[in-house]
């Protein structure tokens, strides 16, 4: 099934019997590189995430965002009992030309119908658009989307003791170490998804000149809090683990603590900026965080 949103077409696919995958249909000119579409894709995912957040339902168990998709997990029995608003059996939905007849025995079709109602682009006037869009550019709000975005500043110590690959990475990019650090910290990053291990953020936004391949021989042990580059992405190791990304420095923050109300410090859709600190500050912050 496809539905029309304010940014373009969105495909819906089943994932087993308890989830629907939403995937933007991205179209570009033959001479346009996919990387040039990232800002549009992020804005699109932000908007989808926001619209779903504005329509809570006891039938929806979870919403999981990744690089290119958002997956909605639902409780089939709750859907069957009619606990999704606006959707009735036998009702035709989707005003984008892709019509869907809901079946009372199909929770998947009912969820698709609900998603269609929530996400379809409806020309309801500027007043409704203003209702969804934040009016001010205060910190913590993404002005291009209807979702309130979390901004996190991550302190990083780039001392050679904590960033063993920094000098090599700077040389690869044709920059001095100080310029490399300056450019790395000047960028704003978006958490595209969490993966690899609990709380590991895949960060989009790395300046193109800083991108470089992973190490040919991975390390057997990477320290918790290591800030690294892998290809065109940045990442932070929340736990000690093997890894092949190039290590630039280390943050004293604890990215994943199971006992916290929200175990992962960062979530998909969050924005991140790095801030350089010296070794003495890093050690003091580690002592403070560990208390």
C-alpha atoms as a PDB file:
ATOM      1  CA  UNK A   1       0.000   0.000   0.000  1.00  0.00           C
ATOM      2  CA  UNK A   2       1.127   3.580  -0.696  1.00  0.00           C
ATOM      3  CA  UNK A   3      -0.106   6.807   0.861  1.00  0.00           C
ATOM      4  CA  UNK A   4       0.634  10.435  -0.004  1.00  0.00           C
ATOM      5  CA  UNK A   5       2.340  12.586   2.643  1.00  0.00           C
ATOM      6  CA  UNK A   6       3.482  16.211   2.566  1.00  0.00           C
ATOM      7  CA  UNK A   7       6.920  15.028   1.397  1.00  0.00           C
ATOM      8  CA  UNK A   8       5.854  12.380  -1.115  1.00  0.00           C
ATOM      9  CA  UNK A   9       4.772   8.751  -1.285  1.00  0.00           C
ATOM     10  CA  UNK A  10       5.129   6.391   1.645  1.00  0.00           C
ATOM     11  CA  UNK A  11       5.072   2.586   1.270  1.00  0.00           C
ATOM     12  CA  UNK A  12       3.568   0.334   3.934  1.00  0.00           C
ATOM     13  CA  UNK A  13       4.648  -3.309   4.274  1.00  0.00           C
ATOM     14  CA  UNK A  14       3.813  -6.006   6.801  1.00  0.00           C
ATOM     15  CA  UNK A  15       6.549  -7.328   9.086  1.00  0.00           C
ATOM     16  CA  UNK A  16       5.151 -10.581  10.398  1.00  0.00           C
ATOM     17  CA  UNK A  17       1.731 -10.394  12.038  1.00  0.00           C
ATOM     18  CA  UNK A  18       2.393  -7.618  14.534  1.00  0.00           C
ATOM     19  CA  UNK A  19       4.205  -4.797  12.715  1.00  0.00           C
ATOM     20  CA  UNK A  20       3.995  -2.436   9.744  1.00  0.00           C
ATOM     21  CA  UNK A  21       7.109  -0.971   8.085  1.00  0.00           C
ATOM     22  CA  UNK A  22       6.824   2.554   6.661  1.00  0.00           C
ATOM     23  CA  UNK A  23       9.354   3.351   3.950  1.00  0.00           C
ATOM     24  CA  UNK A  24       9.572   6.687   2.098  1.00  0.00           C
ATOM     25  CA  UNK A  25       9.574   6.338  -1.694  1.00  0.00           C
ATOM     26  CA  UNK A  26      12.585   8.443  -2.619  1.00  0.00           C
ATOM     27  CA  UNK A  27      12.943   9.624  -6.166  1.00  0.00           C
ATOM     28  CA  UNK A  28      15.904  11.602  -7.491  1.00  0.00           C
ATOM     29  CA  UNK A  29      17.341  12.709 -10.787  1.00  0.00           C
ATOM     30  CA  UNK A  30      19.812  10.429 -12.535  1.00  0.00           C
ATOM     31  CA  UNK A  31      22.695  12.775 -11.703  1.00  0.00           C
ATOM     32  CA  UNK A  32      21.717  13.225  -8.037  1.00  0.00           C
ATOM     33  CA  UNK A  33      23.623  11.230  -5.436  1.00  0.00           C
ATOM     34  CA  UNK A  34      21.637   9.548  -2.630  1.00  0.00           C
ATOM     35  CA  UNK A  35      23.683  11.426  -0.001  1.00  0.00           C
ATOM     36  CA  UNK A  36      22.127  14.675  -1.256  1.00  0.00           C
ATOM     37  CA  UNK A  37      18.730  13.391  -0.144  1.00  0.00           C
ATOM     38  CA  UNK A  38      19.629  12.900   3.496  1.00  0.00           C
ATOM     39  CA  UNK A  39      18.286  16.207   4.785  1.00  0.00           C
ATOM     40  CA  UNK A  40      14.935  15.578   3.106  1.00  0.00           C
ATOM     41  CA  UNK A  41      14.800  12.040   4.458  1.00  0.00           C
ATOM     42  CA  UNK A  42      15.550  13.164   8.014  1.00  0.00           C
ATOM     43  CA  UNK A  43      12.859  15.862   7.827  1.00  0.00           C
ATOM     44  CA  UNK A  44      10.418  13.275   6.506  1.00  0.00           C
ATOM     45  CA  UNK A  45      11.190  10.782   9.264  1.00  0.00           C
ATOM     46  CA  UNK A  46      10.922  13.562  11.863  1.00  0.00           C
ATOM     47  CA  UNK A  47       7.461  14.436  10.577  1.00  0.00           C
ATOM     48  CA  UNK A  48       6.230  10.832  10.527  1.00  0.00           C
ATOM     49  CA  UNK A  49       7.542  10.271  14.050  1.00  0.00           C
ATOM     50  CA  UNK A  50       5.815  13.460  15.238  1.00  0.00           C
ATOM     51  CA  UNK A  51       2.453  12.611  13.693  1.00  0.00           C
ATOM     52  CA  UNK A  52       2.484   9.169  15.288  1.00  0.00           C
ATOM     53  CA  UNK A  53       3.404  10.679  18.661  1.00  0.00           C
ATOM     54  CA  UNK A  54       0.368  12.975  18.407  1.00  0.00           C
ATOM     55  CA  UNK A  55      -1.939   9.959  17.948  1.00  0.00           C
ATOM     56  CA  UNK A  56      -1.260   7.623  20.902  1.00  0.00           C
ATOM     57  CA  UNK A  57      -3.213   4.366  21.026  1.00  0.00           C
ATOM     58  CA  UNK A  58      -3.228   1.426  23.416  1.00  0.00           C
ATOM     59  CA  UNK A  59      -3.127  -0.835  20.361  1.00  0.00           C
ATOM     60  CA  UNK A  60       0.311   0.496  19.342  1.00  0.00           C
ATOM     61  CA  UNK A  61       3.143  -1.139  21.332  1.00  0.00           C
ATOM     62  CA  UNK A  62       6.174   0.646  19.926  1.00  0.00           C
ATOM     63  CA  UNK A  63       7.488   2.854  17.116  1.00  0.00           C
ATOM     64  CA  UNK A  64      11.070   2.115  15.995  1.00  0.00           C
ATOM     65  CA  UNK A  65      12.998   4.462  13.717  1.00  0.00           C
ATOM     66  CA  UNK A  66      15.950   3.431  11.544  1.00  0.00           C
ATOM     67  CA  UNK A  67      17.959   4.964   8.680  1.00  0.00           C
ATOM     68  CA  UNK A  68      15.273   4.629   6.012  1.00  0.00           C
ATOM     69  CA  UNK A  69      12.173   3.319   7.770  1.00  0.00           C
ATOM     70  CA  UNK A  70       9.861   3.576  10.743  1.00  0.00           C
ATOM     71  CA  UNK A  71       8.313   0.365  12.042  1.00  0.00           C
ATOM     72  CA  UNK A  72       5.053   0.403  13.998  1.00  0.00           C
ATOM     73  CA  UNK A  73       4.508  -2.567  16.317  1.00  0.00           C
ATOM     74  CA  UNK A  74       0.908  -3.265  17.311  1.00  0.00           C
ATOM     75  CA  UNK A  75      -1.110  -5.626  19.475  1.00  0.00           C
ATOM     76  CA  UNK A  76      -3.366  -7.615  17.103  1.00  0.00           C
ATOM     77  CA  UNK A  77      -5.963  -8.423  19.758  1.00  0.00           C
ATOM     78  CA  UNK A  78      -6.300  -4.770  20.755  1.00  0.00           C
ATOM     79  CA  UNK A  79      -6.661  -3.801  17.087  1.00  0.00           C
ATOM     80  CA  UNK A  80      -9.280  -6.504  16.613  1.00  0.00           C
ATOM     81  CA  UNK A  81     -11.216  -5.150  19.574  1.00  0.00           C
ATOM     82  CA  UNK A  82     -11.453  -1.798  17.815  1.00  0.00           C
ATOM     83  CA  UNK A  83      -8.996   0.186  19.908  1.00  0.00           C
ATOM     84  CA  UNK A  84      -7.605   2.196  17.024  1.00  0.00           C
ATOM     85  CA  UNK A  85      -9.385   5.515  16.502  1.00  0.00           C
ATOM     86  CA  UNK A  86     -11.054   6.482  13.214  1.00  0.00           C
ATOM     87  CA  UNK A  87     -10.985   3.007  11.640  1.00  0.00           C
ATOM     88  CA  UNK A  88     -14.088   0.863  11.146  1.00  0.00           C
ATOM     89  CA  UNK A  89     -14.417  -2.477   9.385  1.00  0.00           C
ATOM     90  CA  UNK A  90     -15.372  -2.144   5.728  1.00  0.00           C
ATOM     91  CA  UNK A  91     -14.326   1.507   5.553  1.00  0.00           C
ATOM     92  CA  UNK A  92     -12.422   2.746   2.500  1.00  0.00           C
ATOM     93  CA  UNK A  93      -9.329   4.726   3.399  1.00  0.00           C
ATOM     94  CA  UNK A  94      -6.383   6.401   1.634  1.00  0.00           C
ATOM     95  CA  UNK A  95      -7.211   9.424  -0.463  1.00  0.00           C
ATOM     96  CA  UNK A  96      -4.028   9.162  -2.521  1.00  0.00           C
ATOM     97  CA  UNK A  97      -5.557   6.872  -5.128  1.00  0.00           C
ATOM     98  CA  UNK A  98      -4.298   3.672  -3.455  1.00  0.00           C
ATOM     99  CA  UNK A  99      -7.535   2.479  -1.894  1.00  0.00           C
ATOM    100  CA  UNK A 100      -7.746  -0.167   0.790  1.00  0.00           C
ATOM    101  CA  UNK A 101     -10.878  -2.012   1.960  1.00  0.00           C
ATOM    102  CA  UNK A 102     -10.526  -2.866   5.624  1.00  0.00           C
ATOM    103  CA  UNK A 103     -11.402  -6.397   6.682  1.00  0.00           C
ATOM    104  CA  UNK A 104     -12.720  -7.042  10.182  1.00  0.00           C
ATOM    105  CA  UNK A 105     -10.492 -10.143  10.383  1.00  0.00           C
ATOM    106  CA  UNK A 106      -7.276  -8.356   9.421  1.00  0.00           C
ATOM    107  CA  UNK A 107      -5.531  -6.318  12.140  1.00  0.00           C
ATOM    108  CA  UNK A 108      -2.787  -5.464   9.625  1.00  0.00           C
ATOM    109  CA  UNK A 109      -5.269  -3.789   7.257  1.00  0.00           C
ATOM    110  CA  UNK A 110      -6.854  -1.916  10.134  1.00  0.00           C
ATOM    111  CA  UNK A 111      -3.459  -0.596  11.243  1.00  0.00           C
ATOM    112  CA  UNK A 112      -2.666   0.423   7.655  1.00  0.00           C
ATOM    113  CA  UNK A 113      -5.965   2.264   7.559  1.00  0.00           C
ATOM    114  CA  UNK A 114      -5.186   4.058  10.812  1.00  0.00           C
ATOM    115  CA  UNK A 115      -1.707   4.992   9.551  1.00  0.00           C
ATOM    116  CA  UNK A 116      -3.220   6.277   6.334  1.00  0.00           C
ATOM    117  CA  UNK A 117      -5.538   8.566   8.271  1.00  0.00           C
ATOM    118  CA  UNK A 118      -2.750   9.815  10.532  1.00  0.00           C
ATOM    119  CA  UNK A 119      -0.094  10.362   7.863  1.00  0.00           C
ATOM    120  CA  UNK A 120      -1.880  11.304   4.658  1.00  0.00           C
ATOM    121  CA  UNK A 121      -1.318  14.853   3.430  1.00  0.00           C
ATOM    122  CA  UNK A 122      -4.592  16.707   3.934  1.00  0.00           C
ATOM    123  CA  UNK A 123      -4.945  20.302   2.837  1.00  0.00           C
ATOM    124  CA  UNK A 124      -6.692  21.401   6.017  1.00  0.00           C
ATOM    125  CA  UNK A 125      -5.510  24.985   5.874  1.00  0.00           C
ATOM    126  CA  UNK A 126      -2.727  27.009   7.380  1.00  0.00           C
ATOM    127  CA  UNK A 127      -4.323  27.065  10.834  1.00  0.00           C
ATOM    128  CA  UNK A 128      -3.982  23.297  11.245  1.00  0.00           C
ATOM    129  CA  UNK A 129      -0.402  23.412   9.949  1.00  0.00           C
ATOM    130  CA  UNK A 130       0.462  26.113  12.486  1.00  0.00           C
ATOM    131  CA  UNK A 131      -1.111  23.996  15.223  1.00  0.00           C
ATOM    132  CA  UNK A 132       1.414  21.234  14.515  1.00  0.00           C
ATOM    133  CA  UNK A 133       4.458  23.417  13.897  1.00  0.00           C
ATOM    134  CA  UNK A 134       6.417  25.045  16.739  1.00  0.00           C
ATOM    135  CA  UNK A 135       6.427  28.818  16.419  1.00  0.00           C
ATOM    136  CA  UNK A 136       9.769  29.569  18.059  1.00  0.00           C
ATOM    137  CA  UNK A 137      13.323  28.479  17.351  1.00  0.00           C
ATOM    138  CA  UNK A 138      14.271  27.792  20.963  1.00  0.00           C
ATOM    139  CA  UNK A 139      16.859  25.149  21.744  1.00  0.00           C
ATOM    140  CA  UNK A 140      15.360  21.685  21.722  1.00  0.00           C
ATOM    141  CA  UNK A 141      12.890  22.281  18.882  1.00  0.00           C
ATOM    142  CA  UNK A 142      13.470  21.350  15.263  1.00  0.00           C
ATOM    143  CA  UNK A 143      12.058  24.287  13.300  1.00  0.00           C
ATOM    144  CA  UNK A 144      11.571  22.180  10.163  1.00  0.00           C
ATOM    145  CA  UNK A 145       9.336  19.561  11.758  1.00  0.00           C
ATOM    146  CA  UNK A 146       6.337  19.124  14.020  1.00  0.00           C
ATOM    147  CA  UNK A 147       8.351  17.126  16.532  1.00  0.00           C
ATOM    148  CA  UNK A 148      10.181  18.501  19.560  1.00  0.00           C
ATOM    149  CA  UNK A 149      13.749  17.291  19.068  1.00  0.00           C
ATOM    150  CA  UNK A 150      16.171  16.533  21.876  1.00  0.00           C
ATOM    151  CA  UNK A 151      19.554  18.242  21.535  1.00  0.00           C
ATOM    152  CA  UNK A 152      22.502  16.775  23.444  1.00  0.00           C
ATOM    153  CA  UNK A 153      26.003  18.202  23.793  1.00  0.00           C
ATOM    154  CA  UNK A 154      28.535  15.423  24.176  1.00  0.00           C
ATOM    155  CA  UNK A 155      31.880  16.371  25.780  1.00  0.00           C
ATOM    156  CA  UNK A 156      34.835  14.594  24.163  1.00  0.00           C
ATOM    157  CA  UNK A 157      38.481  14.446  25.155  1.00  0.00           C
ATOM    158  CA  UNK A 158      40.660  14.158  22.044  1.00  0.00           C
ATOM    159  CA  UNK A 159      43.869  13.464  23.964  1.00  0.00           C
ATOM    160  CA  UNK A 160      46.057  10.871  22.129  1.00  0.00           C
ATOM    161  CA  UNK A 161      45.726   8.604  25.168  1.00  0.00           C
ATOM    162  CA  UNK A 162      41.980   8.333  24.492  1.00  0.00           C
ATOM    163  CA  UNK A 163      41.924   8.816  20.705  1.00  0.00           C
ATOM    164  CA  UNK A 164      44.629   6.556  19.266  1.00  0.00           C
ATOM    165  CA  UNK A 165      43.463   6.976  15.647  1.00  0.00           C
ATOM    166  CA  UNK A 166      42.990  10.755  15.661  1.00  0.00           C
ATOM    167  CA  UNK A 167      46.348  11.687  14.148  1.00  0.00           C
ATOM    168  CA  UNK A 168      46.016   9.086  11.391  1.00  0.00           C
ATOM    169  CA  UNK A 169      42.436  10.157  10.694  1.00  0.00           C
ATOM    170  CA  UNK A 170      43.480  13.796  10.366  1.00  0.00           C
ATOM    171  CA  UNK A 171      46.281  12.844   7.975  1.00  0.00           C
ATOM    172  CA  UNK A 172      43.848  10.772   5.886  1.00  0.00           C
ATOM    173  CA  UNK A 173      41.634  13.864   5.542  1.00  0.00           C
ATOM    174  CA  UNK A 174      44.590  16.103   4.709  1.00  0.00           C
ATOM    175  CA  UNK A 175      44.050  18.231   7.815  1.00  0.00           C
ATOM    176  CA  UNK A 176      45.950  19.125  10.931  1.00  0.00           C
ATOM    177  CA  UNK A 177      44.688  17.498  14.125  1.00  0.00           C
ATOM    178  CA  UNK A 178      43.325  20.792  15.451  1.00  0.00           C
ATOM    179  CA  UNK A 179      41.451  21.544  12.224  1.00  0.00           C
ATOM    180  CA  UNK A 180      40.065  18.007  12.130  1.00  0.00           C
ATOM    181  CA  UNK A 181      38.733  18.369  15.688  1.00  0.00           C
ATOM    182  CA  UNK A 182      37.298  21.812  14.886  1.00  0.00           C
ATOM    183  CA  UNK A 183      35.381  20.506  11.869  1.00  0.00           C
ATOM    184  CA  UNK A 184      34.217  17.402  13.725  1.00  0.00           C
ATOM    185  CA  UNK A 185      32.808  19.496  16.577  1.00  0.00           C
ATOM    186  CA  UNK A 186      31.296  22.152  14.298  1.00  0.00           C
ATOM    187  CA  UNK A 187      28.879  19.674  12.690  1.00  0.00           C
ATOM    188  CA  UNK A 188      25.409  18.846  13.934  1.00  0.00           C
ATOM    189  CA  UNK A 189      24.606  15.132  13.941  1.00  0.00           C
ATOM    190  CA  UNK A 190      21.321  13.260  13.789  1.00  0.00           C
ATOM    191  CA  UNK A 191      20.884   9.912  15.527  1.00  0.00           C
ATOM    192  CA  UNK A 192      19.583   7.840  12.621  1.00  0.00           C
ATOM    193  CA  UNK A 193      19.152   4.677  14.681  1.00  0.00           C
ATOM    194  CA  UNK A 194      20.463   2.662  17.607  1.00  0.00           C
ATOM    195  CA  UNK A 195      22.097  -0.670  16.859  1.00  0.00           C
ATOM    196  CA  UNK A 196      25.131  -2.967  17.051  1.00  0.00           C
ATOM    197  CA  UNK A 197      24.831  -2.916  20.857  1.00  0.00           C
ATOM    198  CA  UNK A 198      22.409  -1.307  23.346  1.00  0.00           C
ATOM    199  CA  UNK A 199      22.538   2.464  23.049  1.00  0.00           C
ATOM    200  CA  UNK A 200      25.032   2.683  20.144  1.00  0.00           C
ATOM    201  CA  UNK A 201      24.029   5.735  18.047  1.00  0.00           C
ATOM    202  CA  UNK A 202      24.641   5.837  14.314  1.00  0.00           C
ATOM    203  CA  UNK A 203      25.227   9.537  13.673  1.00  0.00           C
ATOM    204  CA  UNK A 204      24.621  11.230  10.333  1.00  0.00           C
ATOM    205  CA  UNK A 205      26.162  14.636   9.693  1.00  0.00           C
ATOM    206  CA  UNK A 206      29.880  13.919   9.487  1.00  0.00           C
ATOM    207  CA  UNK A 207      31.565  16.441   7.144  1.00  0.00           C
ATOM    208  CA  UNK A 208      32.394  14.706   3.877  1.00  0.00           C
ATOM    209  CA  UNK A 209      36.114  15.494   4.137  1.00  0.00           C
ATOM    210  CA  UNK A 210      36.323  13.618   7.460  1.00  0.00           C
ATOM    211  CA  UNK A 211      34.771  10.386   6.164  1.00  0.00           C
ATOM    212  CA  UNK A 212      37.136   7.424   5.914  1.00  0.00           C
ATOM    213  CA  UNK A 213      37.069   3.624   5.900  1.00  0.00           C
ATOM    214  CA  UNK A 214      37.006   1.449   8.985  1.00  0.00           C
ATOM    215  CA  UNK A 215      40.227  -0.147  10.164  1.00  0.00           C
ATOM    216  CA  UNK A 216      41.278  -3.224   8.198  1.00  0.00           C
ATOM    217  CA  UNK A 217      41.924  -5.121  11.440  1.00  0.00           C
ATOM    218  CA  UNK A 218      39.304  -4.429  14.149  1.00  0.00           C
ATOM    219  CA  UNK A 219      40.352  -4.013  17.754  1.00  0.00           C
ATOM    220  CA  UNK A 220      39.404  -6.772  20.150  1.00  0.00           C
ATOM    221  CA  UNK A 221      38.643  -4.179  22.815  1.00  0.00           C
ATOM    222  CA  UNK A 222      37.279  -0.638  22.456  1.00  0.00           C
ATOM    223  CA  UNK A 223      36.733   1.355  25.643  1.00  0.00           C
ATOM    224  CA  UNK A 224      33.309   2.487  26.798  1.00  0.00           C
ATOM    225  CA  UNK A 225      32.586   6.043  25.664  1.00  0.00           C
ATOM    226  CA  UNK A 226      34.902   5.947  22.654  1.00  0.00           C
ATOM    227  CA  UNK A 227      33.901   8.436  19.945  1.00  0.00           C
ATOM    228  CA  UNK A 228      34.662   7.068  16.508  1.00  0.00           C
ATOM    229  CA  UNK A 229      34.262   7.345  12.743  1.00  0.00           C
ATOM    230  CA  UNK A 230      33.214   4.493  10.478  1.00  0.00           C
ATOM    231  CA  UNK A 231      32.806   5.387   6.814  1.00  0.00           C
ATOM    232  CA  UNK A 232      30.548   8.439   6.501  1.00  0.00           C
ATOM    233  CA  UNK A 233      29.169   8.100  10.025  1.00  0.00           C
ATOM    234  CA  UNK A 234      30.201   8.916  13.549  1.00  0.00           C
ATOM    235  CA  UNK A 235      29.343   6.778  16.548  1.00  0.00           C
ATOM    236  CA  UNK A 236      29.869   6.382  20.272  1.00  0.00           C
ATOM    237  CA  UNK A 237      30.590   3.043  21.954  1.00  0.00           C
ATOM    238  CA  UNK A 238      28.263   2.834  24.973  1.00  0.00           C
ATOM    239  CA  UNK A 239      29.958  -0.302  26.297  1.00  0.00           C
ATOM    240  CA  UNK A 240      33.359  -1.930  26.047  1.00  0.00           C
ATOM    241  CA  UNK A 241      33.359  -4.135  22.950  1.00  0.00           C
ATOM    242  CA  UNK A 242      35.334  -5.184  19.866  1.00  0.00           C
ATOM    243  CA  UNK A 243      35.177  -2.680  17.023  1.00  0.00           C
ATOM    244  CA  UNK A 244      36.730  -1.542  13.782  1.00  0.00           C
ATOM    245  CA  UNK A 245      35.854   2.161  13.749  1.00  0.00           C
ATOM    246  CA  UNK A 246      38.585   4.791  13.997  1.00  0.00           C
ATOM    247  CA  UNK A 247      38.829   6.109  17.558  1.00  0.00           C
ATOM    248  CA  UNK A 248      39.061   9.897  17.869  1.00  0.00           C
ATOM    249  CA  UNK A 249      38.511  10.433  21.583  1.00  0.00           C
ATOM    250  CA  UNK A 250      36.317   9.516  24.510  1.00  0.00           C
ATOM    251  CA  UNK A 251      33.311  10.971  26.325  1.00  0.00           C
ATOM    252  CA  UNK A 252      32.750  10.665  30.087  1.00  0.00           C
ATOM    253  CA  UNK A 253      28.992  10.341  29.538  1.00  0.00           C
ATOM    254  CA  UNK A 254      27.311   6.976  30.096  1.00  0.00           C
ATOM    255  CA  UNK A 255      25.246   6.320  26.998  1.00  0.00           C
ATOM    256  CA  UNK A 256      23.509   3.189  28.244  1.00  0.00           C
ATOM    257  CA  UNK A 257      22.514   2.493  31.845  1.00  0.00           C
ATOM    258  CA  UNK A 258      19.853  -0.252  32.205  1.00  0.00           C
ATOM    259  CA  UNK A 259      18.706   1.086  35.592  1.00  0.00           C
ATOM    260  CA  UNK A 260      17.758   4.535  34.218  1.00  0.00           C
ATOM    261  CA  UNK A 261      14.138   5.299  33.402  1.00  0.00           C
ATOM    262  CA  UNK A 262      15.305   5.826  29.807  1.00  0.00           C
ATOM    263  CA  UNK A 263      18.292   3.445  29.598  1.00  0.00           C
ATOM    264  CA  UNK A 264      19.699   4.970  26.400  1.00  0.00           C
ATOM    265  CA  UNK A 265      20.908   8.564  26.650  1.00  0.00           C
ATOM    266  CA  UNK A 266      20.328   9.092  22.922  1.00  0.00           C
ATOM    267  CA  UNK A 267      17.349   8.028  20.827  1.00  0.00           C
ATOM    268  CA  UNK A 268      16.673   7.921  17.088  1.00  0.00           C
ATOM    269  CA  UNK A 269      15.870  11.411  15.856  1.00  0.00           C
ATOM    270  CA  UNK A 270      17.915  13.190  18.537  1.00  0.00           C
ATOM    271  CA  UNK A 271      20.455  15.827  17.504  1.00  0.00           C
ATOM    272  CA  UNK A 272      24.025  15.765  18.825  1.00  0.00           C
ATOM    273  CA  UNK A 273      26.928  18.200  18.948  1.00  0.00           C
ATOM    274  CA  UNK A 274      30.395  17.346  20.247  1.00  0.00           C
ATOM    275  CA  UNK A 275      32.372  19.664  22.518  1.00  0.00           C
ATOM    276  CA  UNK A 276      36.119  19.291  23.028  1.00  0.00           C
ATOM    277  CA  UNK A 277      37.409  19.069  26.616  1.00  0.00           C
ATOM    278  CA  UNK A 278      40.912  18.560  28.014  1.00  0.00           C
ATOM    279  CA  UNK A 279      42.172  15.431  29.781  1.00  0.00           C
ATOM    280  CA  UNK A 280      41.867  16.936  33.262  1.00  0.00           C
ATOM    281  CA  UNK A 281      38.212  17.890  32.686  1.00  0.00           C
ATOM    282  CA  UNK A 282      37.522  14.438  31.282  1.00  0.00           C
ATOM    283  CA  UNK A 283      38.907  12.727  34.383  1.00  0.00           C
ATOM    284  CA  UNK A 284      36.920  14.973  36.731  1.00  0.00           C
ATOM    285  CA  UNK A 285      33.724  14.295  34.805  1.00  0.00           C
ATOM    286  CA  UNK A 286      34.369  10.544  34.864  1.00  0.00           C
ATOM    287  CA  UNK A 287      34.678  10.697  38.655  1.00  0.00           C
ATOM    288  CA  UNK A 288      31.459  12.712  38.884  1.00  0.00           C
ATOM    289  CA  UNK A 289      29.494  10.409  36.537  1.00  0.00           C
ATOM    290  CA  UNK A 290      30.715   7.267  38.348  1.00  0.00           C
ATOM    291  CA  UNK A 291      29.503   8.479  41.768  1.00  0.00           C
END
